[in-house]
Amino acid sequence: MDIQTLTAFFMWCTIVNVALLAWAMMWFVLAPDFTYRMQSRFFPLPRETHNVVIYAFLGLYKLGIMVFNVAPWAALLIIA
């Protein structure tokens, strides 16, 4: 596998994951009551705990995108 293929792979991984993150953030920011009602059917948590879990998930997902998608993509762009 050559560097151009890897660079394109990590670029598309970054685009897809950032789009998923934006989609999830849109739901949790614009429709918090709806998401709480839907999630509380499966996981009965108090509203405050739910908010903490959601924001922690979004933060960890964003960190994962940075570490596993953006950093390798940037490194490949630098060495290419």
N, C-alpha and C. Protein backbone atom coordinates (compact mmCIF):
# COMPACT_ATOMS: atom_id res chain seq x y z
N MET A 1 0.85 -1.18 0.00
CA MET A 1 0.00 0.00 0.00
C MET A 1 0.89 1.23 0.00
N ASP A 2 0.61 2.16 -0.88
CA ASP A 2 1.46 3.35 -0.98
C ASP A 2 0.91 4.49 -0.11
N ILE A 3 1.72 5.53 0.02
CA ILE A 3 1.39 6.65 0.91
C ILE A 3 0.15 7.39 0.43
N GLN A 4 -0.05 7.53 -0.87
CA GLN A 4 -1.22 8.25 -1.37
C GLN A 4 -2.51 7.51 -1.02
N THR A 5 -2.49 6.19 -1.09
CA THR A 5 -3.67 5.41 -0.73
C THR A 5 -3.97 5.54 0.76
N LEU A 6 -2.94 5.45 1.59
CA LEU A 6 -3.14 5.62 3.03
C LEU A 6 -3.63 7.02 3.36
N THR A 7 -3.09 8.02 2.70
CA THR A 7 -3.51 9.40 2.93
C THR A 7 -4.99 9.57 2.58
N ALA A 8 -5.39 9.03 1.44
CA ALA A 8 -6.80 9.12 1.04
C ALA A 8 -7.69 8.35 2.01
N PHE A 9 -7.22 7.18 2.48
CA PHE A 9 -7.99 6.40 3.45
C PHE A 9 -8.23 7.18 4.74
N PHE A 10 -7.18 7.75 5.30
CA PHE A 10 -7.34 8.50 6.55
C PHE A 10 -8.12 9.79 6.34
N MET A 11 -8.03 10.38 5.17
CA MET A 11 -8.84 11.57 4.88
C MET A 11 -10.32 11.21 4.90
N TRP A 12 -10.69 10.12 4.23
CA TRP A 12 -12.10 9.73 4.21
C TRP A 12 -12.58 9.23 5.57
N CYS A 13 -11.72 8.56 6.32
CA CYS A 13 -12.08 8.17 7.68
C CYS A 13 -12.38 9.41 8.53
N THR A 14 -11.56 10.43 8.38
CA THR A 14 -11.77 11.68 9.12
C THR A 14 -13.08 12.33 8.72
N ILE A 15 -13.35 12.40 7.43
CA ILE A 15 -14.59 13.03 6.95
C ILE A 15 -15.81 12.30 7.48
N VAL A 16 -15.82 10.97 7.38
CA VAL A 16 -16.97 10.18 7.83
C VAL A 16 -17.16 10.32 9.34
N ASN A 17 -16.07 10.23 10.10
CA ASN A 17 -16.20 10.30 11.56
C ASN A 17 -16.60 11.69 12.04
N VAL A 18 -16.11 12.74 11.40
CA VAL A 18 -16.51 14.09 11.78
C VAL A 18 -17.98 14.32 11.43
N ALA A 19 -18.43 13.76 10.31
CA ALA A 19 -19.85 13.87 9.95
C ALA A 19 -20.73 13.15 10.97
N LEU A 20 -20.31 11.97 11.41
CA LEU A 20 -21.07 11.25 12.45
C LEU A 20 -21.08 12.02 13.77
N LEU A 21 -19.94 12.60 14.11
CA LEU A 21 -19.87 13.40 15.34
C LEU A 21 -20.79 14.61 15.24
N ALA A 22 -20.80 15.28 14.10
CA ALA A 22 -21.67 16.44 13.92
C ALA A 22 -23.13 16.04 13.98
N TRP A 23 -23.46 14.90 13.38
CA TRP A 23 -24.84 14.41 13.41
C TRP A 23 -25.28 14.11 14.85
N ALA A 24 -24.43 13.44 15.62
CA ALA A 24 -24.75 13.12 17.01
C ALA A 24 -24.86 14.39 17.85
N MET A 25 -23.95 15.33 17.64
CA MET A 25 -24.01 16.59 18.40
C MET A 25 -25.27 17.36 18.06
N MET A 26 -25.66 17.33 16.79
CA MET A 26 -26.89 18.02 16.39
C MET A 26 -28.09 17.46 17.15
N TRP A 27 -28.20 16.14 17.25
CA TRP A 27 -29.31 15.55 17.97
C TRP A 27 -29.27 15.90 19.46
N PHE A 28 -28.10 15.83 20.06
CA PHE A 28 -28.00 16.06 21.50
C PHE A 28 -28.13 17.53 21.87
N VAL A 29 -27.83 18.42 20.95
CA VAL A 29 -27.93 19.86 21.24
C VAL A 29 -29.31 20.40 20.86
N LEU A 30 -29.81 20.00 19.70
CA LEU A 30 -31.07 20.56 19.21
C LEU A 30 -32.31 19.84 19.74
N ALA A 31 -32.18 18.58 20.11
CA ALA A 31 -33.33 17.82 20.61
C ALA A 31 -32.96 17.03 21.86
N PRO A 32 -32.57 17.73 22.93
CA PRO A 32 -32.12 17.00 24.13
C PRO A 32 -33.25 16.23 24.81
N ASP A 33 -34.47 16.76 24.80
CA ASP A 33 -35.57 16.04 25.44
C ASP A 33 -35.90 14.76 24.69
N PHE A 34 -35.90 14.83 23.37
CA PHE A 34 -36.18 13.65 22.56
C PHE A 34 -35.13 12.57 22.79
N THR A 35 -33.86 12.95 22.77
CA THR A 35 -32.80 11.96 22.97
C THR A 35 -32.86 11.38 24.39
N TYR A 36 -33.19 12.21 25.36
CA TYR A 36 -33.30 11.69 26.73
C TYR A 36 -34.44 10.69 26.84
N ARG A 37 -35.59 11.02 26.26
CA ARG A 37 -36.73 10.10 26.30
C ARG A 37 -36.41 8.78 25.61
N MET A 38 -35.75 8.86 24.45
CA MET A 38 -35.42 7.64 23.72
C MET A 38 -34.41 6.79 24.48
N GLN A 39 -33.39 7.41 25.04
CA GLN A 39 -32.38 6.66 25.75
C GLN A 39 -32.87 6.15 27.10
N SER A 40 -33.77 6.89 27.74
CA SER A 40 -34.26 6.45 29.06
C SER A 40 -35.15 5.22 28.96
N ARG A 41 -35.62 4.90 27.78
CA ARG A 41 -36.36 3.64 27.60
C ARG A 41 -35.44 2.44 27.80
N PHE A 42 -34.19 2.57 27.39
CA PHE A 42 -33.24 1.47 27.48
C PHE A 42 -32.38 1.55 28.74
N PHE A 43 -32.01 2.76 29.12
CA PHE A 43 -31.13 2.97 30.27
C PHE A 43 -31.76 4.00 31.19
N PRO A 44 -32.46 3.56 32.23
CA PRO A 44 -33.11 4.52 33.13
C PRO A 44 -32.09 5.25 34.01
N LEU A 45 -31.73 6.46 33.60
CA LEU A 45 -30.78 7.28 34.33
C LEU A 45 -31.42 8.62 34.64
N PRO A 46 -31.01 9.26 35.72
CA PRO A 46 -31.45 10.64 35.94
C PRO A 46 -30.95 11.56 34.83
N ARG A 47 -31.65 12.66 34.63
CA ARG A 47 -31.31 13.57 33.53
C ARG A 47 -29.88 14.10 33.64
N GLU A 48 -29.43 14.43 34.83
CA GLU A 48 -28.08 14.97 35.01
C GLU A 48 -27.03 13.93 34.64
N THR A 49 -27.24 12.69 35.05
CA THR A 49 -26.31 11.62 34.71
C THR A 49 -26.30 11.38 33.21
N HIS A 50 -27.46 11.41 32.61
CA HIS A 50 -27.57 11.24 31.16
C HIS A 50 -26.76 12.31 30.43
N ASN A 51 -26.88 13.56 30.85
CA ASN A 51 -26.13 14.64 30.22
C ASN A 51 -24.63 14.43 30.35
N VAL A 52 -24.19 14.01 31.52
CA VAL A 52 -22.76 13.77 31.72
C VAL A 52 -22.27 12.64 30.82
N VAL A 53 -23.04 11.57 30.74
CA VAL A 53 -22.66 10.44 29.90
C VAL A 53 -22.59 10.85 28.44
N ILE A 54 -23.57 11.60 27.97
CA ILE A 54 -23.61 12.02 26.57
C ILE A 54 -22.42 12.92 26.25
N TYR A 55 -22.16 13.92 27.08
CA TYR A 55 -21.06 14.83 26.81
C TYR A 55 -19.70 14.14 26.94
N ALA A 56 -19.60 13.18 27.85
CA ALA A 56 -18.36 12.40 27.95
C ALA A 56 -18.16 11.55 26.70
N PHE A 57 -19.24 10.95 26.21
CA PHE A 57 -19.16 10.15 24.99
C PHE A 57 -18.73 11.02 23.80
N LEU A 58 -19.34 12.18 23.66
CA LEU A 58 -18.98 13.07 22.56
C LEU A 58 -17.53 13.51 22.65
N GLY A 59 -17.08 13.82 23.85
CA GLY A 59 -15.68 14.22 24.05
C GLY A 59 -14.70 13.10 23.74
N LEU A 60 -15.01 11.89 24.20
CA LEU A 60 -14.13 10.76 23.92
C LEU A 60 -14.13 10.40 22.43
N TYR A 61 -15.29 10.51 21.80
CA TYR A 61 -15.37 10.23 20.37
C TYR A 61 -14.54 11.26 19.59
N LYS A 62 -14.65 12.52 19.99
CA LYS A 62 -13.85 13.56 19.33
C LYS A 62 -12.36 13.32 19.55
N LEU A 63 -11.97 12.94 20.73
CA LEU A 63 -10.57 12.63 21.01
C LEU A 63 -10.10 11.43 20.18
N GLY A 64 -10.96 10.42 20.06
CA GLY A 64 -10.61 9.27 19.24
C GLY A 64 -10.43 9.63 17.78
N ILE A 65 -11.26 10.53 17.29
CA ILE A 65 -11.12 11.00 15.91
C ILE A 65 -9.78 11.69 15.73
N MET A 66 -9.43 12.53 16.68
CA MET A 66 -8.15 13.25 16.59
C MET A 66 -6.96 12.30 16.62
N VAL A 67 -7.00 11.32 17.49
CA VAL A 67 -5.85 10.42 17.67
C VAL A 67 -5.76 9.40 16.53
N PHE A 68 -6.89 8.80 16.15
CA PHE A 68 -6.84 7.68 15.21
C PHE A 68 -7.13 8.06 13.76
N ASN A 69 -7.58 9.29 13.50
CA ASN A 69 -7.85 9.69 12.12
C ASN A 69 -7.05 10.92 11.70
N VAL A 70 -7.17 11.99 12.47
CA VAL A 70 -6.54 13.26 12.06
C VAL A 70 -5.02 13.20 12.20
N ALA A 71 -4.52 12.65 13.30
CA ALA A 71 -3.07 12.60 13.50
C ALA A 71 -2.37 11.74 12.43
N PRO A 72 -2.86 10.53 12.13
CA PRO A 72 -2.19 9.78 11.05
C PRO A 72 -2.31 10.46 9.70
N TRP A 73 -3.45 11.08 9.43
CA TRP A 73 -3.63 11.79 8.16
C TRP A 73 -2.64 12.94 8.05
N ALA A 74 -2.50 13.74 9.13
CA ALA A 74 -1.56 14.85 9.13
C ALA A 74 -0.13 14.35 8.98
N ALA A 75 0.21 13.26 9.65
CA ALA A 75 1.57 12.72 9.54
C ALA A 75 1.85 12.26 8.11
N LEU A 76 0.88 11.63 7.47
CA LEU A 76 1.06 11.19 6.10
C LEU A 76 1.17 12.38 5.13
N LEU A 77 0.42 13.44 5.41
CA LEU A 77 0.54 14.64 4.59
C LEU A 77 1.92 15.27 4.72
N ILE A 78 2.46 15.24 5.92
CA ILE A 78 3.78 15.82 6.16
C ILE A 78 4.88 15.04 5.45
N ILE A 79 4.81 13.71 5.51
CA ILE A 79 5.90 12.91 4.93
C ILE A 79 5.73 12.70 3.42
N ALA A 80 4.55 13.00 2.90
CA ALA A 80 4.32 12.76 1.45
C ALA A 80 5.03 13.79 0.59
